Amino acid sequence: MAAALPAGASWRCRPMGRAVVAASFPVPRVPPRKMAAAVRGAEELELLERLLGLPGGNKYGVQGERKVPVLQTNNGPGLTGLMTIAAHLVRQASKEQLLGSTAEEKAVVQQWLEYRVTRVNGGSSKEDTRTILKDLNMHLEDKVYLAGNIFTLADILMYYGLHQIMVDLTVQEKEKYLNVSRWFNHIQHYPGVRQHLSNVVFIKNRLYTNAH
C-alpha cells in the first residue's frame, strides 16, 4: 500500500499537471501512475475553483490506496472525496444551481457524479472505456446536458474525467459515440470550462446531423 501523506502535508497542483511539495518533508514514495492520478484529482479541483470564480489557495492532499482527494481545512476535519469537495466549492461560490434546481435534477446530478467517481475513475481497461462511452451515448441521445436541459456540476466533472479518453479516440470512434462527442464539444466550449486543457477536434458537420 502506498504511503499516506504525513499530517499537515499538502500537494499543490499547477497548470499542466506539475506538482510541487508545499511543506519541507520527504516526498512519499508513490508509484508514477498513481502519482499522476493524484495530480489530476487536485488539478480538477483547482480548475473548478477558477471556473467558479473562487480565489483559490485551498490545499489538497490524497488519501488511501486509491488516492482519494482531500481538502485540508484550517477549521475542523478535512473534506474527503471528489464529489464532496466539488459540491463544497459550488456552495462556497453560491452557485447551488449547478447541483440541480428540482429534486429530480439534484438526483440526476448526484447519479452522474457517483458514476464519474465509481465508473470513470475506476475504469482501467479498454472494455471499461467502451462501456462508459456506450452508457453516456445512450443517455445523451435526447439531452443537451447530463441532467437534461441545464448545465450542472455533473457536466463539468464528467468533462474533466473524460478529457484524456476523448483526446485518444479516433475519428471513427468519435462518430460511433456521436452523442458523447456532441455533448463533449459543447461542454469544452462552455465559458470557463476548458481553461488550459487541449481542445479536442471534431468534424462538426457530423456532430449536428442525425446520421450515425
C-alpha atoms as a PDB file:
ATOM      1  CA  MET A   1       0.000   0.000   0.000  1.00  0.00           C
ATOM      2  CA  ALA A   2       1.331   3.459  -0.883  1.00  0.00           C
ATOM      3  CA  ALA A   3       2.423   5.642   1.985  1.00  0.00           C
ATOM      4  CA  ALA A   4      -0.083   8.249   3.152  1.00  0.00           C
ATOM      5  CA  LEU A   5       0.838  11.924   3.353  1.00  0.00           C
ATOM      6  CA  PRO A   6       2.180  12.953   6.787  1.00  0.00           C
ATOM      7  CA  ALA A   7      -0.058  15.117   8.937  1.00  0.00           C
ATOM      8  CA  GLY A   8      -0.098  18.721   7.761  1.00  0.00           C
ATOM      9  CA  ALA A   9       1.365  17.876   4.369  1.00  0.00           C
ATOM     10  CA  SER A  10      -0.197  19.061   1.165  1.00  0.00           C
ATOM     11  CA  TRP A  11       0.091  18.846  -2.574  1.00  0.00           C
ATOM     12  CA  ARG A  12      -0.342  21.931  -4.683  1.00  0.00           C
ATOM     13  CA  CYS A  13      -1.235  21.499  -8.325  1.00  0.00           C
ATOM     14  CA  ARG A  14      -0.114  23.932 -11.019  1.00  0.00           C
ATOM     15  CA  PRO A  15      -1.410  24.230 -14.589  1.00  0.00           C
ATOM     16  CA  MET A  16      -0.339  21.432 -16.931  1.00  0.00           C
ATOM     17  CA  GLY A  17      -0.346  18.925 -14.077  1.00  0.00           C
ATOM     18  CA  ARG A  18       3.007  19.867 -12.482  1.00  0.00           C
ATOM     19  CA  ALA A  19       3.024  19.201  -8.748  1.00  0.00           C
ATOM     20  CA  VAL A  20       5.239  20.606  -6.028  1.00  0.00           C
ATOM     21  CA  VAL A  21       5.523  19.798  -2.331  1.00  0.00           C
ATOM     22  CA  ALA A  22       4.356  22.693  -0.209  1.00  0.00           C
ATOM     23  CA  ALA A  23       5.975  21.564   3.033  1.00  0.00           C
ATOM     24  CA  SER A  24       9.533  20.554   3.839  1.00  0.00           C
ATOM     25  CA  PHE A  25       9.463  16.803   4.367  1.00  0.00           C
ATOM     26  CA  PRO A  26      10.483  13.766   2.320  1.00  0.00           C
ATOM     27  CA  VAL A  27       8.316  13.067  -0.718  1.00  0.00           C
ATOM     28  CA  PRO A  28       6.274   9.874  -0.153  1.00  0.00           C
ATOM     29  CA  ARG A  29       7.079   7.023  -2.499  1.00  0.00           C
ATOM     30  CA  VAL A  30       4.021   6.747  -4.734  1.00  0.00           C
ATOM     31  CA  PRO A  31       4.022   4.716  -7.979  1.00  0.00           C
ATOM     32  CA  PRO A  32       4.174   7.093 -11.004  1.00  0.00           C
ATOM     33  CA  ARG A  33       0.741   6.037 -12.336  1.00  0.00           C
ATOM     34  CA  LYS A  34      -0.948   6.725  -9.010  1.00  0.00           C
ATOM     35  CA  MET A  35       1.006   9.949  -8.589  1.00  0.00           C
ATOM     36  CA  ALA A  36      -0.385  11.138 -11.936  1.00  0.00           C
ATOM     37  CA  ALA A  37      -3.929  10.261 -10.838  1.00  0.00           C
ATOM     38  CA  ALA A  38      -3.440  12.213  -7.608  1.00  0.00           C
ATOM     39  CA  VAL A  39      -2.210  15.258  -9.501  1.00  0.00           C
ATOM     40  CA  ARG A  40      -5.161  15.062 -11.902  1.00  0.00           C
ATOM     41  CA  GLY A  41      -7.606  14.976  -8.997  1.00  0.00           C
ATOM     42  CA  ALA A  42      -6.072  18.051  -7.414  1.00  0.00           C
ATOM     43  CA  GLU A  43      -5.837  19.779 -10.789  1.00  0.00           C
ATOM     44  CA  GLU A  44      -9.537  19.210 -11.467  1.00  0.00           C
ATOM     45  CA  LEU A  45     -10.454  20.876  -8.203  1.00  0.00           C
ATOM     46  CA  GLU A  46      -8.263  23.884  -8.995  1.00  0.00           C
ATOM     47  CA  LEU A  47      -9.817  24.117 -12.467  1.00  0.00           C
ATOM     48  CA  LEU A  48     -13.229  24.062 -10.774  1.00  0.00           C
ATOM     49  CA  GLU A  49     -12.141  26.803  -8.344  1.00  0.00           C
ATOM     50  CA  ARG A  50     -11.204  29.079 -11.226  1.00  0.00           C
ATOM     51  CA  LEU A  51     -14.375  28.244 -13.165  1.00  0.00           C
ATOM     52  CA  LEU A  52     -16.455  29.160 -10.111  1.00  0.00           C
ATOM     53  CA  GLY A  53     -14.549  32.408  -9.593  1.00  0.00           C
ATOM     54  CA  LEU A  54     -13.162  31.362  -6.219  1.00  0.00           C
ATOM     55  CA  PRO A  55      -9.881  32.931  -5.033  1.00  0.00           C
ATOM     56  CA  GLY A  56      -8.126  29.554  -4.759  1.00  0.00           C
ATOM     57  CA  GLY A  57      -5.474  28.840  -2.182  1.00  0.00           C
ATOM     58  CA  ASN A  58      -7.038  25.607  -0.952  1.00  0.00           C
ATOM     59  CA  LYS A  59      -4.613  22.844  -0.057  1.00  0.00           C
ATOM     60  CA  TYR A  60      -5.359  19.386  -1.405  1.00  0.00           C
ATOM     61  CA  GLY A  61      -3.943  16.092  -0.264  1.00  0.00           C
ATOM     62  CA  VAL A  62      -4.595  12.482  -1.201  1.00  0.00           C
ATOM     63  CA  GLN A  63      -5.695   9.605   0.974  1.00  0.00           C
ATOM     64  CA  GLY A  64      -5.593   5.827   0.804  1.00  0.00           C
ATOM     65  CA  GLU A  65      -4.611   3.300  -1.828  1.00  0.00           C
ATOM     66  CA  ARG A  66      -6.911   4.877  -4.442  1.00  0.00           C
ATOM     67  CA  LYS A  67      -5.502   8.354  -3.762  1.00  0.00           C
ATOM     68  CA  VAL A  68      -8.837   9.961  -2.931  1.00  0.00           C
ATOM     69  CA  PRO A  69      -8.617  13.795  -2.932  1.00  0.00           C
ATOM     70  CA  VAL A  70      -8.726  15.512   0.455  1.00  0.00           C
ATOM     71  CA  LEU A  71      -9.337  19.202   1.105  1.00  0.00           C
ATOM     72  CA  GLN A  72      -7.340  20.251   4.134  1.00  0.00           C
ATOM     73  CA  THR A  73      -9.168  22.891   6.140  1.00  0.00           C
ATOM     74  CA  ASN A  74      -7.920  25.195   8.865  1.00  0.00           C
ATOM     75  CA  ASN A  75     -11.031  24.682  10.952  1.00  0.00           C
ATOM     76  CA  GLY A  76     -12.241  21.178  11.706  1.00  0.00           C
ATOM     77  CA  PRO A  77     -11.647  17.942   9.817  1.00  0.00           C
ATOM     78  CA  GLY A  78     -10.788  17.922   6.130  1.00  0.00           C
ATOM     79  CA  LEU A  79     -13.265  17.017   3.400  1.00  0.00           C
ATOM     80  CA  THR A  80     -12.720  13.767   1.524  1.00  0.00           C
ATOM     81  CA  GLY A  81     -13.697  12.721  -1.999  1.00  0.00           C
ATOM     82  CA  LEU A  82     -14.016  14.481  -5.350  1.00  0.00           C
ATOM     83  CA  MET A  83     -17.826  14.731  -5.172  1.00  0.00           C
ATOM     84  CA  THR A  84     -17.864  16.083  -1.615  1.00  0.00           C
ATOM     85  CA  ILE A  85     -15.158  18.669  -2.209  1.00  0.00           C
ATOM     86  CA  ALA A  86     -16.602  19.784  -5.556  1.00  0.00           C
ATOM     87  CA  ALA A  87     -20.079  20.275  -4.039  1.00  0.00           C
ATOM     88  CA  HIS A  88     -18.488  22.237  -1.178  1.00  0.00           C
ATOM     89  CA  LEU A  89     -16.733  24.552  -3.673  1.00  0.00           C
ATOM     90  CA  VAL A  90     -20.003  25.084  -5.559  1.00  0.00           C
ATOM     91  CA  ARG A  91     -21.762  26.105  -2.328  1.00  0.00           C
ATOM     92  CA  GLN A  92     -18.806  28.281  -1.337  1.00  0.00           C
ATOM     93  CA  ALA A  93     -19.226  30.117  -4.642  1.00  0.00           C
ATOM     94  CA  SER A  94     -23.005  30.442  -4.042  1.00  0.00           C
ATOM     95  CA  LYS A  95     -23.760  28.626  -7.300  1.00  0.00           C
ATOM     96  CA  GLU A  96     -26.007  25.910  -5.936  1.00  0.00           C
ATOM     97  CA  GLN A  97     -27.905  25.826  -9.237  1.00  0.00           C
ATOM     98  CA  LEU A  98     -25.008  23.700 -10.525  1.00  0.00           C
ATOM     99  CA  LEU A  99     -26.217  20.954  -8.161  1.00  0.00           C
ATOM    100  CA  GLY A 100     -29.698  20.983  -9.709  1.00  0.00           C
ATOM    101  CA  SER A 101     -32.796  23.077  -9.037  1.00  0.00           C
ATOM    102  CA  THR A 102     -35.555  20.490  -8.573  1.00  0.00           C
ATOM    103  CA  ALA A 103     -35.443  17.302  -6.540  1.00  0.00           C
ATOM    104  CA  GLU A 104     -35.298  15.279  -9.756  1.00  0.00           C
ATOM    105  CA  GLU A 105     -32.440  17.344 -11.186  1.00  0.00           C
ATOM    106  CA  LYS A 106     -30.488  17.038  -7.945  1.00  0.00           C
ATOM    107  CA  ALA A 107     -30.937  13.268  -8.009  1.00  0.00           C
ATOM    108  CA  VAL A 108     -29.731  13.038 -11.625  1.00  0.00           C
ATOM    109  CA  VAL A 109     -26.705  15.235 -10.893  1.00  0.00           C
ATOM    110  CA  GLN A 110     -25.851  13.072  -7.891  1.00  0.00           C
ATOM    111  CA  GLN A 111     -26.252   9.931 -10.007  1.00  0.00           C
ATOM    112  CA  TRP A 112     -23.769  11.116 -12.633  1.00  0.00           C
ATOM    113  CA  LEU A 113     -21.295  12.404 -10.067  1.00  0.00           C
ATOM    114  CA  GLU A 114     -21.332   8.942  -8.491  1.00  0.00           C
ATOM    115  CA  TYR A 115     -20.911   7.394 -11.948  1.00  0.00           C
ATOM    116  CA  ARG A 116     -17.942   9.649 -12.548  1.00  0.00           C
ATOM    117  CA  VAL A 117     -16.212   8.513  -9.348  1.00  0.00           C
ATOM    118  CA  THR A 118     -17.098   4.816  -9.433  1.00  0.00           C
ATOM    119  CA  ARG A 119     -17.013   4.038 -13.160  1.00  0.00           C
ATOM    120  CA  VAL A 120     -14.877   6.651 -14.902  1.00  0.00           C
ATOM    121  CA  ASN A 121     -12.245   6.873 -12.157  1.00  0.00           C
ATOM    122  CA  GLY A 122     -12.448   3.137 -11.576  1.00  0.00           C
ATOM    123  CA  GLY A 123     -12.190   2.120 -15.231  1.00  0.00           C
ATOM    124  CA  SER A 124      -8.839   0.700 -16.231  1.00  0.00           C
ATOM    125  CA  SER A 125      -9.350  -1.313 -19.440  1.00  0.00           C
ATOM    126  CA  LYS A 126     -10.459  -0.604 -22.997  1.00  0.00           C
ATOM    127  CA  GLU A 127     -13.614  -2.583 -22.285  1.00  0.00           C
ATOM    128  CA  ASP A 128     -14.367  -0.295 -19.312  1.00  0.00           C
ATOM    129  CA  THR A 129     -13.924   2.722 -21.573  1.00  0.00           C
ATOM    130  CA  ARG A 130     -16.257   1.283 -24.234  1.00  0.00           C
ATOM    131  CA  THR A 131     -18.915   0.603 -21.593  1.00  0.00           C
ATOM    132  CA  ILE A 132     -18.658   4.159 -20.227  1.00  0.00           C
ATOM    133  CA  LEU A 133     -18.928   5.713 -23.693  1.00  0.00           C
ATOM    134  CA  LYS A 134     -21.839   3.420 -24.592  1.00  0.00           C
ATOM    135  CA  ASP A 135     -23.714   4.328 -21.380  1.00  0.00           C
ATOM    136  CA  LEU A 136     -23.199   8.047 -21.934  1.00  0.00           C
ATOM    137  CA  ASN A 137     -24.046   7.869 -25.629  1.00  0.00           C
ATOM    138  CA  MET A 138     -27.388   6.233 -24.843  1.00  0.00           C
ATOM    139  CA  HIS A 139     -28.188   8.708 -22.049  1.00  0.00           C
ATOM    140  CA  LEU A 140     -27.325  11.773 -24.164  1.00  0.00           C
ATOM    141  CA  GLU A 141     -29.378  10.687 -27.167  1.00  0.00           C
ATOM    142  CA  ASP A 142     -32.125  13.214 -26.415  1.00  0.00           C
ATOM    143  CA  LYS A 143     -30.378  15.521 -23.953  1.00  0.00           C
ATOM    144  CA  VAL A 144     -28.183  18.610 -24.194  1.00  0.00           C
ATOM    145  CA  TYR A 145     -26.645  18.095 -20.742  1.00  0.00           C
ATOM    146  CA  LEU A 146     -26.375  15.141 -18.388  1.00  0.00           C
ATOM    147  CA  ALA A 147     -29.237  16.461 -16.246  1.00  0.00           C
ATOM    148  CA  GLY A 148     -31.401  17.303 -19.259  1.00  0.00           C
ATOM    149  CA  ASN A 149     -31.572  20.942 -20.275  1.00  0.00           C
ATOM    150  CA  ILE A 150     -29.435  22.511 -17.542  1.00  0.00           C
ATOM    151  CA  PHE A 151     -25.650  22.764 -17.231  1.00  0.00           C
ATOM    152  CA  THR A 152     -24.509  21.281 -13.910  1.00  0.00           C
ATOM    153  CA  LEU A 153     -21.522  20.123 -11.896  1.00  0.00           C
ATOM    154  CA  ALA A 154     -22.034  16.665 -13.427  1.00  0.00           C
ATOM    155  CA  ASP A 155     -21.170  18.051 -16.881  1.00  0.00           C
ATOM    156  CA  ILE A 156     -18.079  19.813 -15.544  1.00  0.00           C
ATOM    157  CA  LEU A 157     -16.594  16.848 -13.696  1.00  0.00           C
ATOM    158  CA  MET A 158     -17.540  14.348 -16.397  1.00  0.00           C
ATOM    159  CA  TYR A 159     -15.832  16.568 -18.971  1.00  0.00           C
ATOM    160  CA  TYR A 160     -12.643  16.669 -16.892  1.00  0.00           C
ATOM    161  CA  GLY A 161     -12.820  12.927 -16.267  1.00  0.00           C
ATOM    162  CA  LEU A 162     -13.307  12.075 -19.954  1.00  0.00           C
ATOM    163  CA  HIS A 163     -10.880  14.594 -21.434  1.00  0.00           C
ATOM    164  CA  GLN A 164      -7.952  12.217 -21.908  1.00  0.00           C
ATOM    165  CA  ILE A 165     -10.251   9.472 -23.180  1.00  0.00           C
ATOM    166  CA  MET A 166     -11.695  11.797 -25.831  1.00  0.00           C
ATOM    167  CA  VAL A 167      -8.224  13.023 -26.819  1.00  0.00           C
ATOM    168  CA  ASP A 168      -7.233   9.416 -27.575  1.00  0.00           C
ATOM    169  CA  LEU A 169     -10.324   8.492 -29.650  1.00  0.00           C
ATOM    170  CA  THR A 170     -10.003   8.039 -33.389  1.00  0.00           C
ATOM    171  CA  VAL A 171     -12.275   9.902 -35.818  1.00  0.00           C
ATOM    172  CA  GLN A 172     -14.270   6.692 -36.291  1.00  0.00           C
ATOM    173  CA  GLU A 173     -14.713   6.220 -32.542  1.00  0.00           C
ATOM    174  CA  LYS A 174     -15.864   9.819 -32.119  1.00  0.00           C
ATOM    175  CA  GLU A 175     -18.514   9.184 -34.767  1.00  0.00           C
ATOM    176  CA  LYS A 176     -19.515   5.883 -33.171  1.00  0.00           C
ATOM    177  CA  TYR A 177     -20.257   7.725 -29.927  1.00  0.00           C
ATOM    178  CA  LEU A 178     -21.757  10.729 -31.676  1.00  0.00           C
ATOM    179  CA  ASN A 179     -23.968  11.871 -28.796  1.00  0.00           C
ATOM    180  CA  VAL A 180     -20.997  11.878 -26.420  1.00  0.00           C
ATOM    181  CA  SER A 181     -18.905  13.761 -28.981  1.00  0.00           C
ATOM    182  CA  ARG A 182     -21.631  16.382 -29.472  1.00  0.00           C
ATOM    183  CA  TRP A 183     -22.018  16.858 -25.708  1.00  0.00           C
ATOM    184  CA  PHE A 184     -18.249  16.955 -25.102  1.00  0.00           C
ATOM    185  CA  ASN A 185     -17.690  19.531 -27.837  1.00  0.00           C
ATOM    186  CA  HIS A 186     -20.442  21.688 -26.371  1.00  0.00           C
ATOM    187  CA  ILE A 187     -19.006  21.490 -22.842  1.00  0.00           C
ATOM    188  CA  GLN A 188     -15.427  22.207 -23.905  1.00  0.00           C
ATOM    189  CA  HIS A 189     -16.677  25.480 -25.440  1.00  0.00           C
ATOM    190  CA  TYR A 190     -18.793  26.401 -22.405  1.00  0.00           C
ATOM    191  CA  PRO A 191     -17.312  29.628 -20.969  1.00  0.00           C
ATOM    192  CA  GLY A 192     -14.516  28.944 -18.476  1.00  0.00           C
ATOM    193  CA  VAL A 193     -14.630  25.147 -18.520  1.00  0.00           C
ATOM    194  CA  ARG A 194     -11.696  24.068 -20.701  1.00  0.00           C
ATOM    195  CA  GLN A 195      -9.066  26.537 -19.416  1.00  0.00           C
ATOM    196  CA  HIS A 196      -5.584  25.171 -20.285  1.00  0.00           C
ATOM    197  CA  LEU A 197      -6.798  21.710 -21.345  1.00  0.00           C
ATOM    198  CA  SER A 198      -6.289  20.865 -25.007  1.00  0.00           C
ATOM    199  CA  ASN A 199      -9.116  21.412 -27.465  1.00  0.00           C
ATOM    200  CA  VAL A 200     -10.443  18.104 -28.839  1.00  0.00           C
ATOM    201  CA  VAL A 201     -11.172  18.361 -32.569  1.00  0.00           C
ATOM    202  CA  PHE A 202     -14.416  17.002 -34.021  1.00  0.00           C
ATOM    203  CA  ILE A 203     -15.866  17.012 -37.536  1.00  0.00           C
ATOM    204  CA  LYS A 204     -18.652  19.491 -36.847  1.00  0.00           C
ATOM    205  CA  ASN A 205     -20.846  18.684 -39.824  1.00  0.00           C
ATOM    206  CA  ARG A 206     -21.122  15.136 -38.417  1.00  0.00           C
ATOM    207  CA  LEU A 207     -21.961  16.266 -34.889  1.00  0.00           C
ATOM    208  CA  TYR A 208     -25.144  18.054 -35.803  1.00  0.00           C
ATOM    209  CA  THR A 209     -26.763  15.598 -38.179  1.00  0.00           C
ATOM    210  CA  ASN A 210     -28.893  12.581 -37.355  1.00  0.00           C
ATOM    211  CA  ALA A 211     -26.549  10.233 -39.192  1.00  0.00           C
ATOM    212  CA  HIS A 212     -24.835   7.589 -37.058  1.00  0.00           C
END
